Protein backbone atom coordinates (compact mmCIF):
# COMPACT_ATOMS: atom_id res chain seq x y z
CA MET A 1 0.00 0.00 0.00
CA THR A 2 1.21 3.50 -0.83
CA PHE A 3 0.15 7.01 0.20
CA ALA A 4 -0.70 9.87 -2.16
CA HIS A 5 0.44 12.41 0.49
CA PRO A 6 3.01 10.58 2.67
CA TYR A 7 4.43 13.84 4.06
CA LEU A 8 1.29 14.20 6.20
CA LEU A 9 2.53 11.29 8.31
CA PHE A 10 4.72 13.85 10.06
CA LEU A 11 1.53 14.97 11.84
CA LEU A 12 1.93 11.88 14.00
CA ILE A 13 4.83 13.66 15.71
CA LEU A 14 2.20 15.78 17.45
CA LEU A 15 1.31 12.71 19.52
CA ILE A 16 4.60 12.95 21.42
CA PRO A 17 3.88 16.23 23.24
CA TYR A 18 0.25 15.20 23.72
CA ILE A 19 1.24 11.93 25.40
CA LEU A 20 3.77 13.75 27.62
CA TRP A 21 1.13 16.30 28.61
CA TYR A 22 -1.34 13.56 29.48
CA VAL A 23 1.19 11.65 31.63
CA LEU A 24 2.30 14.76 33.52
CA ARG A 25 -1.27 15.94 34.00
CA HIS A 26 -2.33 12.57 35.35
CA HIS A 27 0.69 12.38 37.65
CA ASP A 28 0.18 15.87 39.11
CA SER A 29 -3.59 15.72 39.39
CA GLU A 30 -5.07 16.18 42.87
CA SER A 31 -7.83 14.10 44.30
CA SER A 32 -11.23 15.71 44.45
CA LEU A 33 -11.75 14.14 47.87
CA GLN A 34 -9.03 14.53 50.49
CA VAL A 35 -8.74 12.18 53.45
CA ALA A 36 -6.23 11.90 56.28
CA THR A 37 -4.99 8.49 55.16
CA VAL A 38 -5.73 6.02 52.37
CA ARG A 39 -4.60 3.03 54.45
CA PRO A 40 -8.16 1.68 54.99
CA PHE A 41 -8.68 1.59 51.20
CA ARG A 42 -5.45 -0.31 50.48
CA TYR A 43 -7.11 -3.72 50.37
CA ALA A 44 -10.51 -2.59 49.13
CA PRO A 45 -11.60 -4.21 45.82
CA GLN A 46 -11.14 -1.97 42.81
CA SER A 47 -13.99 -1.20 40.45
CA TYR A 48 -13.81 -2.16 36.76
CA LYS A 49 -13.86 1.58 36.07
CA HIS A 50 -10.34 1.74 37.41
CA TYR A 51 -9.16 -0.28 34.43
CA LEU A 52 -11.07 1.85 31.93
CA VAL A 53 -9.82 5.23 33.05
CA HIS A 54 -7.15 5.46 30.35
CA VAL A 55 -9.23 3.90 27.55
CA PRO A 56 -10.63 7.27 26.29
CA PHE A 57 -7.08 8.57 25.98
CA LEU A 58 -6.04 5.54 23.94
CA LEU A 59 -9.14 5.82 21.77
CA ARG A 60 -8.41 9.49 21.14
CA ILE A 61 -4.89 8.62 19.99
CA LEU A 62 -6.27 5.88 17.73
CA THR A 63 -8.77 8.34 16.22
CA PHE A 64 -6.04 10.87 15.53
CA VAL A 65 -3.79 8.26 13.89
CA MET A 66 -6.64 7.02 11.65
CA ILE A 67 -7.53 10.58 10.61
CA VAL A 68 -3.91 11.25 9.65
CA LEU A 69 -3.84 8.05 7.58
CA VAL A 70 -7.05 9.08 5.81
CA LEU A 71 -5.53 12.49 4.99
CA CYS A 72 -2.50 10.71 3.52
CA ARG A 73 -4.85 8.98 1.01
CA PRO A 74 -3.76 5.34 1.24
CA GLN A 75 -3.93 3.60 -2.14
CA THR A 76 -3.35 0.15 -3.50
CA SER A 77 -0.02 -0.06 -5.25
CA ASN A 78 0.25 -0.26 -9.02
CA SER A 79 0.99 -3.78 -10.17
CA TRP A 80 3.23 -3.88 -13.23
CA SER A 81 3.73 -7.02 -15.27
CA ASN A 82 5.40 -7.96 -18.51
CA ARG A 83 3.87 -10.75 -20.56
CA SER A 84 4.07 -12.13 -24.05
CA ILE A 85 0.83 -12.23 -26.00
CA GLU A 86 -0.27 -13.12 -29.49
CA GLY A 87 -1.10 -10.04 -31.55
CA ILE A 88 -0.34 -7.85 -34.55
CA ASP A 89 0.06 -4.13 -35.14
CA ILE A 90 -2.89 -2.65 -37.00
CA MET A 91 -3.66 0.85 -38.22
CA LEU A 92 -7.23 1.60 -39.27
CA CYS A 93 -7.25 4.19 -42.06
CA VAL A 94 -10.77 5.57 -42.53
CA ASP A 95 -12.17 7.98 -45.11
CA VAL A 96 -14.21 10.78 -43.47
CA SER A 97 -14.95 12.88 -46.55
CA THR A 98 -18.47 14.26 -47.08
CA SER A 99 -19.31 11.44 -49.50
CA MET A 100 -19.25 9.10 -46.46
CA LEU A 101 -22.60 10.68 -45.54
CA ALA A 102 -24.26 8.70 -48.32
CA GLU A 103 -26.97 6.44 -46.94
CA ASP A 104 -26.59 3.32 -49.08
CA LEU A 105 -25.33 1.78 -45.83
CA ARG A 106 -27.36 2.40 -42.67
CA PRO A 107 -27.46 4.92 -41.16
CA ASN A 108 -24.68 6.13 -43.46
CA ARG A 109 -21.32 4.85 -44.67
CA LEU A 110 -19.20 6.36 -41.90
CA GLU A 111 -21.50 5.34 -39.04
CA ALA A 112 -21.71 1.80 -40.45
CA ALA A 113 -17.91 1.68 -40.76
CA LYS A 114 -17.52 2.90 -37.16
CA LYS A 115 -19.89 0.29 -35.78
CA VAL A 116 -18.26 -2.63 -37.56
CA ALA A 117 -14.75 -1.38 -36.78
CA VAL A 118 -15.58 -1.13 -33.06
CA GLU A 119 -16.77 -4.75 -33.15
CA PHE A 120 -13.50 -5.67 -34.87
CA ILE A 121 -11.45 -3.84 -32.21
CA SER A 122 -13.38 -5.50 -29.38
CA GLY A 123 -12.65 -8.92 -30.87
CA ARG A 124 -8.87 -8.38 -30.87
CA PRO A 125 -7.95 -7.44 -27.28
CA ASN A 126 -4.27 -8.36 -27.67
CA ASP A 127 -3.50 -6.23 -30.73
CA ASN A 128 -1.87 -2.83 -30.97
CA ILE A 129 -4.46 -0.85 -32.92
CA GLY A 130 -4.46 2.79 -34.00
CA LEU A 131 -6.64 5.09 -36.09
CA THR A 132 -5.83 7.45 -38.95
CA ILE A 133 -8.52 9.46 -40.71
CA PHE A 134 -8.37 11.28 -44.03
CA ALA A 135 -10.41 13.40 -46.41
CA GLY A 136 -8.54 16.11 -48.36
CA GLU A 137 -5.80 15.79 -45.73
CA SER A 138 -4.91 13.24 -43.11
CA PHE A 139 -4.00 13.03 -39.45
CA THR A 140 -3.72 10.45 -36.69
CA GLN A 141 -6.76 10.27 -34.45
CA CYS A 142 -5.18 7.68 -32.12
CA PRO A 143 -1.68 6.15 -32.18
CA MET A 144 -1.35 2.39 -31.78
CA THR A 145 -2.39 1.24 -28.33
CA THR A 146 -3.63 -1.79 -26.43
CA ASP A 147 -5.91 0.49 -24.42
CA HIS A 148 -8.86 -0.18 -26.68
CA ALA A 149 -11.32 1.71 -24.47
CA VAL A 150 -9.55 4.97 -25.36
CA LEU A 151 -9.39 3.97 -29.03
CA VAL A 152 -13.10 3.16 -29.16
CA ASN A 153 -14.00 6.47 -27.49
CA LEU A 154 -11.95 8.40 -30.04
CA PHE A 155 -13.44 6.34 -32.86
CA ASN A 156 -16.99 7.01 -31.67
CA SER A 157 -16.25 10.73 -31.39
CA LEU A 158 -15.80 10.97 -35.15
CA SER A 159 -18.65 12.98 -36.63
CA SER A 160 -20.26 12.08 -39.92
CA ASP A 161 -19.99 15.69 -41.09
CA ILE A 162 -16.44 16.41 -39.91
CA ALA A 163 -15.39 17.51 -43.41
CA MET A 164 -18.64 19.40 -44.05
CA LYS A 165 -18.02 21.56 -40.96
CA GLY A 166 -14.54 22.42 -42.17
CA MET A 167 -12.69 20.61 -39.39
CA ILE A 168 -10.74 18.85 -42.13
CA SER A 169 -10.53 19.82 -45.81
CA ASP A 170 -12.85 17.82 -48.04
CA GLY A 171 -11.69 15.45 -50.74
CA THR A 172 -10.23 11.94 -50.87
CA ALA A 173 -6.47 11.83 -50.30
CA ILE A 174 -6.00 8.07 -50.21
CA GLY A 175 -2.24 8.34 -50.67
CA MET A 176 -1.90 10.80 -47.77
CA GLY A 177 -4.05 8.66 -45.46
CA LEU A 178 -2.05 5.57 -46.31
CA ALA A 179 1.28 7.37 -45.83
CA ASN A 180 0.16 8.69 -42.45
CA ALA A 181 -0.75 5.18 -41.31
CA ILE A 182 2.57 3.82 -42.58
CA SER A 183 4.46 6.41 -40.51
CA ARG A 184 2.89 4.89 -37.41
CA LEU A 185 3.92 1.36 -38.35
CA LYS A 186 7.37 1.80 -39.90
CA ASP A 187 9.23 1.49 -36.58
CA SER A 188 7.13 -1.40 -35.30
CA LYS A 189 9.02 -4.55 -34.25
CA ALA A 190 6.03 -6.81 -34.88
CA LYS A 191 6.35 -9.43 -37.58
CA SER A 192 2.86 -8.62 -38.86
CA LYS A 193 2.07 -4.99 -39.65
CA VAL A 194 -1.30 -4.31 -41.21
CA ILE A 195 -3.27 -1.33 -42.49
CA ILE A 196 -7.01 -1.59 -43.10
CA LEU A 197 -7.88 1.19 -45.55
CA LEU A 198 -11.57 2.03 -45.99
CA THR A 199 -12.77 4.53 -48.58
CA ASP A 200 -15.76 5.19 -50.82
CA GLY A 201 -14.17 7.18 -53.64
CA THR A 202 -11.19 7.88 -55.85
CA ASN A 203 -7.98 9.70 -55.01
CA ASN A 204 -8.43 13.41 -55.86
CA ALA A 205 -6.30 15.25 -53.30
CA GLY A 206 -2.98 15.08 -51.49
CA ASP A 207 0.68 15.21 -52.50
CA ILE A 208 1.32 11.46 -52.42
CA SER A 209 -0.25 9.09 -54.94
CA PRO A 210 -1.85 5.89 -53.59
CA LEU A 211 0.53 3.63 -55.56
CA THR A 212 3.57 5.53 -54.28
CA ALA A 213 2.27 5.07 -50.73
CA ALA A 214 1.76 1.38 -51.50
CA GLU A 215 5.42 1.04 -52.51
CA ILE A 216 6.44 2.71 -49.26
CA ALA A 217 4.26 0.27 -47.33
CA LYS A 218 5.85 -2.64 -49.16
CA SER A 219 9.35 -1.41 -48.31
CA PHE A 220 8.45 -1.46 -44.59
CA GLY A 221 6.79 -4.86 -44.76
CA VAL A 222 3.30 -3.45 -44.19
CA ARG A 223 0.34 -5.33 -45.67
CA VAL A 224 -2.61 -3.21 -46.75
CA TYR A 225 -6.17 -4.49 -46.82
CA THR A 226 -8.35 -2.12 -48.84
CA ILE A 227 -12.13 -1.85 -48.57
CA GLY A 228 -14.27 -0.03 -51.10
CA VAL A 229 -17.51 0.81 -49.29
CA GLY A 230 -20.70 1.74 -51.14
CA THR A 231 -23.40 0.13 -53.21
CA ASN A 232 -23.29 -0.31 -56.97
CA GLY A 233 -24.88 2.37 -59.16
CA THR A 234 -26.19 5.35 -57.17
CA ALA A 235 -26.49 6.21 -53.49
CA ARG A 236 -28.91 8.36 -51.50
CA TYR A 237 -27.08 11.49 -50.33
CA PRO A 238 -28.36 14.25 -47.97
CA VAL A 239 -28.11 17.86 -49.14
CA GLN A 240 -29.01 20.89 -47.02
CA VAL A 241 -31.33 23.23 -48.91
CA GLY A 242 -32.81 26.32 -47.27
CA GLY A 243 -32.37 25.07 -43.73
CA ARG A 244 -33.77 21.62 -44.42
CA ILE A 245 -32.37 18.32 -45.64
CA GLU A 246 -33.16 17.14 -49.16
CA TYR A 247 -31.96 13.90 -50.71
CA MET A 248 -30.48 13.24 -54.10
CA ASN A 249 -28.97 10.24 -55.80
CA ILE A 250 -25.25 10.46 -56.52
CA PRO A 251 -23.17 8.00 -58.56
CA VAL A 252 -20.95 5.60 -56.63
CA GLU A 253 -17.42 6.05 -57.98
CA ILE A 254 -14.88 3.80 -56.29
CA ASP A 255 -11.46 3.40 -57.86
CA THR A 256 -11.44 -0.36 -57.46
CA LYS A 257 -8.45 -0.69 -59.75
CA THR A 258 -6.23 1.48 -57.56
CA LEU A 259 -7.45 -0.14 -54.35
CA ALA A 260 -6.81 -3.59 -55.78
CA SER A 261 -3.33 -2.50 -56.93
CA ILE A 262 -2.49 -1.22 -53.42
CA ALA A 263 -3.54 -4.52 -51.89
CA ALA A 264 -1.67 -6.59 -54.50
CA ALA A 265 1.55 -4.55 -54.11
CA THR A 266 1.60 -5.13 -50.35
CA ASN A 267 0.45 -8.77 -50.33
CA GLY A 268 -2.94 -7.76 -48.95
CA GLU A 269 -6.51 -8.15 -50.19
CA PHE A 270 -9.12 -5.88 -51.77
CA TYR A 271 -12.77 -6.10 -50.69
CA ARG A 272 -16.02 -4.52 -51.79
CA ALA A 273 -18.62 -3.82 -49.12
CA THR A 274 -21.95 -2.95 -50.71
CA ASN A 275 -24.04 -3.18 -47.53
CA ASN A 276 -23.73 -3.45 -43.75
CA ASP A 277 -23.64 -7.24 -43.71
CA LYS A 278 -20.98 -7.40 -46.40
CA LEU A 279 -18.86 -4.85 -44.51
CA ARG A 280 -19.10 -6.98 -41.38
CA GLU A 281 -18.08 -10.06 -43.38
CA VAL A 282 -15.05 -8.17 -44.69
CA TYR A 283 -13.82 -7.38 -41.18
CA GLN A 284 -14.48 -10.96 -40.10
CA GLU A 285 -12.31 -12.13 -42.98
CA ILE A 286 -9.52 -9.75 -42.00
CA ASP A 287 -9.91 -10.95 -38.42
CA LYS A 288 -8.38 -14.26 -39.52
CA LEU A 289 -4.97 -12.64 -39.95
CA GLU A 290 -1.89 -14.35 -38.56
CA LYS A 291 -0.70 -13.41 -35.08
CA THR A 292 2.78 -12.80 -33.74
CA LYS A 293 4.20 -12.65 -30.22
CA MET A 294 4.87 -9.29 -28.64
CA ASN A 295 5.67 -8.04 -25.16
CA VAL A 296 3.11 -5.89 -23.41
CA LYS A 297 3.61 -4.02 -20.15
CA GLN A 298 0.43 -3.86 -18.13
CA TYR A 299 -0.41 -2.12 -14.90
CA SER A 300 -3.31 -2.20 -12.50
CA LYS A 301 -5.26 0.92 -11.70
CA ARG A 302 -4.87 2.65 -8.34
CA TYR A 303 -7.79 2.43 -5.94
CA GLU A 304 -8.40 4.61 -2.88
CA ALA A 305 -8.11 2.54 0.32
CA TYR A 306 -9.00 5.11 2.99
CA MET A 307 -12.41 3.67 3.91
CA PRO A 308 -11.25 1.11 6.56
CA PHE A 309 -9.21 3.82 8.33
CA ALA A 310 -12.14 6.25 8.24
CA LEU A 311 -14.47 3.64 9.73
CA ILE A 312 -12.02 2.85 12.54
CA ALA A 313 -11.68 6.59 13.29
CA CYS A 314 -15.45 7.02 13.50
CA LEU A 315 -15.93 3.95 15.69
CA SER A 316 -13.14 4.87 18.10
CA LEU A 317 -14.45 8.43 18.42
CA LEU A 318 -17.99 7.23 19.09
CA LEU A 319 -16.74 4.69 21.64
CA GLU A 320 -14.75 7.38 23.46
CA LEU A 321 -17.78 9.67 23.64
CA LEU A 322 -19.94 6.79 24.81
CA LEU A 323 -17.54 5.90 27.64
CA ARG A 324 -17.20 9.52 28.75
CA GLU A 325 -20.95 10.07 28.85
CA THR A 326 -21.83 6.80 30.56
CA VAL A 327 -19.41 4.64 32.50
CA LEU A 328 -16.68 7.24 33.03
CA LYS A 329 -18.87 10.32 33.32
CA LYS A 330 -17.56 12.79 35.88
CA ILE A 331 -19.81 14.54 38.32
CA PRO A 332 -18.72 18.14 39.03
């Protein structure tokens, strides 16, 4: 057990002068009833109260000690452990351009991708997984981590209209998104390094072409699984007109050739997800990837452990008051 504020233990030094004061006061105290001699009382039986006279003092000391310990905030110690587990390093690379608002998947492409990806993350507790998003530009939403609760929270915080609100420039920079994900994997020591790239369009922005990024991924031993999400033909797309939402059908244009070339260059696979069920099947297929051993350092969370000390302090204080007001009550 450790203390959050161990310096407060110095308060216990205050007990020394208090104990000395109590001893001297008890030694120098005068009897309330004076008699010529106490010889007749020498062999008189002593009451049980005689043995309880110092109990309130001891209880008061115990209360003070417990209060000091509570103020020091006792906590359970962190438990660190190193263990080898089976897992791979994965970067999820997700398109968040405005076209992901299309509703050929329910409720729309991005929300469907988020839901299935969260299920995928939950099913791989031993993997290092991170998240990169892209539209006209790209950035890392979450670096690789085994703390999947944080990753899922960041994933769920993605808004379907992030590009529409101008938080990220619109467009589809597949090459930039892929390069960003590669930068997170290039120094990985894992034998299996994987990028799952999900998009619904063609590359029309960014300074790096998708095939160039694929060659970079290949040079670092990164396999890329590409997913083209969207139905065939046209898709229902929301458009804001005069303060209300209207819908129009837009053509589904996915550069399947480029996505297939990226996957082939990196020894990955290309998938088409035309509906929610197919998207889930794609992630289930990717879930069958090989695993490799890696070392993970884990620690247990700290928990406050003041409650037993607080209860003892309350009980000892109540017991002292009870003794003083009943058995050991003094009559003026």
